[in-house]
Amino acid sequence: MHRFVLHSGGLYIPIIVLGELYAWAYHRNNPKSILDRIENDILADVGVLDFDVDSAREFGAIRGSLLNKGTTVGKMD
């Protein structure tokens, strides 16, 4: 959290990562404190990047190219 605050206004996370943070919080027995940190601390200082059609196309092109070259591509979130 401290590192996020150090770079206030200059950090971004993709929407998929935000979804993972929420999943992690809701997986806890008591998600309220984590949800509060996500919504009040992280989202106050970090921009969220949408994953749109252009992003999906670029992802597909890069991943497909790597696979065609025989480069191992690990599973992603």
N, C-alpha and C. Protein backbone atom coordinates (compact mmCIF):
# COMPACT_ATOMS: atom_id res chain seq x y z
N MET A 1 0.83 -1.19 0.00
CA MET A 1 0.00 0.00 0.00
C MET A 1 0.87 1.25 0.00
N HIS A 2 1.94 1.21 0.78
CA HIS A 2 2.82 2.37 0.88
C HIS A 2 3.39 2.76 -0.49
N ARG A 3 3.77 1.77 -1.29
CA ARG A 3 4.31 2.06 -2.61
C ARG A 3 3.28 2.71 -3.52
N PHE A 4 2.02 2.31 -3.41
CA PHE A 4 0.97 2.95 -4.19
C PHE A 4 0.87 4.43 -3.84
N VAL A 5 0.89 4.72 -2.57
CA VAL A 5 0.75 6.09 -2.11
C VAL A 5 1.93 6.94 -2.56
N LEU A 6 3.13 6.37 -2.58
CA LEU A 6 4.32 7.10 -3.01
C LEU A 6 4.17 7.63 -4.44
N HIS A 7 3.45 6.89 -5.27
CA HIS A 7 3.32 7.25 -6.68
C HIS A 7 1.91 7.77 -7.00
N SER A 8 1.29 8.39 -6.05
CA SER A 8 -0.08 8.87 -6.19
C SER A 8 -0.27 9.62 -7.51
N GLY A 9 -1.30 9.22 -8.22
CA GLY A 9 -1.62 9.87 -9.47
C GLY A 9 -0.88 9.33 -10.66
N GLY A 10 0.09 8.45 -10.45
CA GLY A 10 0.87 7.93 -11.56
C GLY A 10 0.80 6.43 -11.73
N LEU A 11 -0.05 5.78 -10.96
CA LEU A 11 -0.16 4.33 -11.06
C LEU A 11 -1.54 3.92 -11.57
N TYR A 12 -1.53 2.85 -12.34
CA TYR A 12 -2.77 2.32 -12.89
C TYR A 12 -2.77 0.81 -12.75
N ILE A 13 -3.95 0.24 -12.59
CA ILE A 13 -4.11 -1.21 -12.61
C ILE A 13 -5.20 -1.54 -13.63
N PRO A 14 -5.08 -2.69 -14.29
CA PRO A 14 -6.14 -3.08 -15.21
C PRO A 14 -7.38 -3.52 -14.44
N ILE A 15 -8.51 -3.38 -15.06
CA ILE A 15 -9.79 -3.74 -14.45
C ILE A 15 -9.79 -5.20 -13.98
N ILE A 16 -9.06 -6.06 -14.68
CA ILE A 16 -8.99 -7.47 -14.30
C ILE A 16 -8.32 -7.61 -12.94
N VAL A 17 -7.28 -6.83 -12.68
CA VAL A 17 -6.60 -6.87 -11.38
C VAL A 17 -7.54 -6.38 -10.29
N LEU A 18 -8.32 -5.35 -10.56
CA LEU A 18 -9.29 -4.88 -9.58
C LEU A 18 -10.28 -5.98 -9.24
N GLY A 19 -10.73 -6.71 -10.25
CA GLY A 19 -11.62 -7.84 -10.01
C GLY A 19 -10.98 -8.90 -9.13
N GLU A 20 -9.69 -9.16 -9.36
CA GLU A 20 -8.97 -10.12 -8.53
C GLU A 20 -8.86 -9.64 -7.09
N LEU A 21 -8.63 -8.36 -6.89
CA LEU A 21 -8.58 -7.82 -5.53
C LEU A 21 -9.92 -7.99 -4.82
N TYR A 22 -11.01 -7.71 -5.54
CA TYR A 22 -12.33 -7.91 -4.95
C TYR A 22 -12.58 -9.39 -4.64
N ALA A 23 -12.19 -10.27 -5.54
CA ALA A 23 -12.37 -11.71 -5.30
C ALA A 23 -11.59 -12.14 -4.06
N TRP A 24 -10.36 -11.65 -3.92
CA TRP A 24 -9.54 -11.97 -2.76
C TRP A 24 -10.23 -11.48 -1.49
N ALA A 25 -10.78 -10.28 -1.53
CA ALA A 25 -11.46 -9.74 -0.35
C ALA A 25 -12.69 -10.57 0.01
N TYR A 26 -13.52 -10.86 -0.98
CA TYR A 26 -14.76 -11.60 -0.71
C TYR A 26 -14.50 -13.06 -0.35
N HIS A 27 -13.31 -13.54 -0.61
CA HIS A 27 -12.94 -14.91 -0.24
C HIS A 27 -12.61 -15.01 1.25
N ARG A 28 -12.38 -13.90 1.91
CA ARG A 28 -12.05 -13.86 3.33
C ARG A 28 -13.30 -14.05 4.18
N ASN A 29 -13.08 -14.47 5.40
CA ASN A 29 -14.21 -14.62 6.33
C ASN A 29 -14.86 -13.27 6.63
N ASN A 30 -14.05 -12.24 6.75
CA ASN A 30 -14.56 -10.90 7.02
C ASN A 30 -13.96 -9.93 6.00
N PRO A 31 -14.64 -9.74 4.88
CA PRO A 31 -14.05 -8.93 3.81
C PRO A 31 -14.09 -7.42 4.03
N LYS A 32 -14.84 -6.95 5.03
CA LYS A 32 -15.07 -5.51 5.16
C LYS A 32 -13.79 -4.69 5.23
N SER A 33 -12.82 -5.09 6.03
CA SER A 33 -11.61 -4.27 6.16
C SER A 33 -10.83 -4.21 4.85
N ILE A 34 -10.79 -5.31 4.13
CA ILE A 34 -10.08 -5.33 2.85
C ILE A 34 -10.85 -4.51 1.81
N LEU A 35 -12.16 -4.67 1.79
CA LEU A 35 -12.97 -3.88 0.87
C LEU A 35 -12.80 -2.39 1.13
N ASP A 36 -12.76 -2.01 2.41
CA ASP A 36 -12.53 -0.61 2.75
C ASP A 36 -11.19 -0.12 2.22
N ARG A 37 -10.15 -0.93 2.35
CA ARG A 37 -8.82 -0.54 1.86
C ARG A 37 -8.81 -0.41 0.34
N ILE A 38 -9.47 -1.35 -0.33
CA ILE A 38 -9.54 -1.29 -1.80
C ILE A 38 -10.23 0.01 -2.22
N GLU A 39 -11.40 0.24 -1.64
CA GLU A 39 -12.22 1.36 -2.10
C GLU A 39 -11.74 2.72 -1.60
N ASN A 40 -11.20 2.78 -0.40
CA ASN A 40 -10.80 4.07 0.16
C ASN A 40 -9.33 4.40 -0.03
N ASP A 41 -8.49 3.40 -0.12
CA ASP A 41 -7.06 3.65 -0.24
C ASP A 41 -6.57 3.45 -1.68
N ILE A 42 -6.79 2.27 -2.20
CA ILE A 42 -6.26 1.97 -3.54
C ILE A 42 -6.97 2.80 -4.61
N LEU A 43 -8.28 2.74 -4.65
CA LEU A 43 -9.01 3.44 -5.72
C LEU A 43 -8.93 4.95 -5.60
N ALA A 44 -8.57 5.45 -4.43
CA ALA A 44 -8.39 6.89 -4.27
C ALA A 44 -7.10 7.37 -4.92
N ASP A 45 -6.12 6.46 -5.06
CA ASP A 45 -4.80 6.86 -5.55
C ASP A 45 -4.37 6.19 -6.85
N VAL A 46 -5.11 5.20 -7.29
CA VAL A 46 -4.69 4.41 -8.45
C VAL A 46 -5.79 4.45 -9.51
N GLY A 47 -5.41 4.75 -10.74
CA GLY A 47 -6.36 4.74 -11.83
C GLY A 47 -6.65 3.32 -12.28
N VAL A 48 -7.80 3.11 -12.87
CA VAL A 48 -8.19 1.79 -13.36
C VAL A 48 -8.30 1.84 -14.87
N LEU A 49 -7.61 0.91 -15.52
CA LEU A 49 -7.62 0.83 -16.98
C LEU A 49 -8.64 -0.20 -17.45
N ASP A 50 -9.52 0.22 -18.33
CA ASP A 50 -10.49 -0.72 -18.90
C ASP A 50 -9.80 -1.68 -19.84
N PHE A 51 -10.35 -2.85 -19.96
CA PHE A 51 -9.88 -3.84 -20.92
C PHE A 51 -10.91 -3.83 -22.04
N ASP A 52 -10.56 -3.17 -23.13
CA ASP A 52 -11.51 -2.98 -24.21
C ASP A 52 -11.16 -3.87 -25.40
N VAL A 53 -11.87 -3.69 -26.49
CA VAL A 53 -11.68 -4.51 -27.69
C VAL A 53 -10.26 -4.34 -28.23
N ASP A 54 -9.75 -3.12 -28.28
CA ASP A 54 -8.39 -2.92 -28.78
C ASP A 54 -7.36 -3.63 -27.89
N SER A 55 -7.57 -3.59 -26.59
CA SER A 55 -6.67 -4.29 -25.66
C SER A 55 -6.73 -5.80 -25.89
N ALA A 56 -7.93 -6.32 -26.07
CA ALA A 56 -8.09 -7.76 -26.31
C ALA A 56 -7.43 -8.17 -27.62
N ARG A 57 -7.55 -7.34 -28.64
CA ARG A 57 -6.94 -7.63 -29.93
C ARG A 57 -5.41 -7.66 -29.81
N GLU A 58 -4.85 -6.68 -29.14
CA GLU A 58 -3.39 -6.62 -28.95
C GLU A 58 -2.89 -7.80 -28.12
N PHE A 59 -3.62 -8.12 -27.07
CA PHE A 59 -3.29 -9.29 -26.26
C PHE A 59 -3.26 -10.55 -27.12
N GLY A 60 -4.31 -10.72 -27.92
CA GLY A 60 -4.39 -11.90 -28.78
C GLY A 60 -3.25 -11.96 -29.77
N ALA A 61 -2.90 -10.83 -30.36
CA ALA A 61 -1.80 -10.80 -31.33
C ALA A 61 -0.47 -11.17 -30.68
N ILE A 62 -0.20 -10.61 -29.52
CA ILE A 62 1.07 -10.90 -28.83
C ILE A 62 1.11 -12.35 -28.37
N ARG A 63 0.04 -12.81 -27.74
CA ARG A 63 0.02 -14.19 -27.24
C ARG A 63 0.10 -15.19 -28.40
N GLY A 64 -0.66 -14.93 -29.46
CA GLY A 64 -0.62 -15.82 -30.62
C GLY A 64 0.76 -15.89 -31.24
N SER A 65 1.42 -14.74 -31.35
CA SER A 65 2.78 -14.70 -31.90
C SER A 65 3.75 -15.51 -31.04
N LEU A 66 3.65 -15.34 -29.73
CA LEU A 66 4.52 -16.11 -28.83
C LEU A 66 4.27 -17.61 -28.96
N LEU A 67 3.01 -17.99 -29.02
CA LEU A 67 2.68 -19.42 -29.15
C LEU A 67 3.20 -19.98 -30.48
N ASN A 68 3.09 -19.20 -31.56
CA ASN A 68 3.59 -19.64 -32.86
C ASN A 68 5.10 -19.84 -32.86
N LYS A 69 5.80 -19.09 -32.03
CA LYS A 69 7.25 -19.22 -31.92
C LYS A 69 7.66 -20.34 -30.97
N GLY A 70 6.67 -20.97 -30.35
CA GLY A 70 6.98 -22.04 -29.40
C GLY A 70 7.30 -21.55 -28.00
N THR A 71 7.06 -20.28 -27.77
CA THR A 71 7.32 -19.72 -26.44
C THR A 71 6.22 -20.15 -25.49
N THR A 72 6.61 -20.70 -24.37
CA THR A 72 5.64 -21.12 -23.36
C THR A 72 4.98 -19.89 -22.78
N VAL A 73 3.66 -19.93 -22.79
CA VAL A 73 2.88 -18.82 -22.24
C VAL A 73 2.07 -19.39 -21.09
N GLY A 74 2.36 -18.91 -19.88
CA GLY A 74 1.65 -19.41 -18.70
C GLY A 74 0.19 -18.99 -18.66
N LYS A 75 -0.57 -19.67 -17.83
CA LYS A 75 -1.96 -19.30 -17.63
C LYS A 75 -2.03 -17.95 -16.95
N MET A 76 -3.04 -17.19 -17.30
CA MET A 76 -3.22 -15.89 -16.72
C MET A 76 -4.50 -15.84 -15.91
N ASP A 77 -4.62 -14.81 -15.10
CA ASP A 77 -5.85 -14.62 -14.32
C ASP A 77 -6.98 -14.30 -15.25
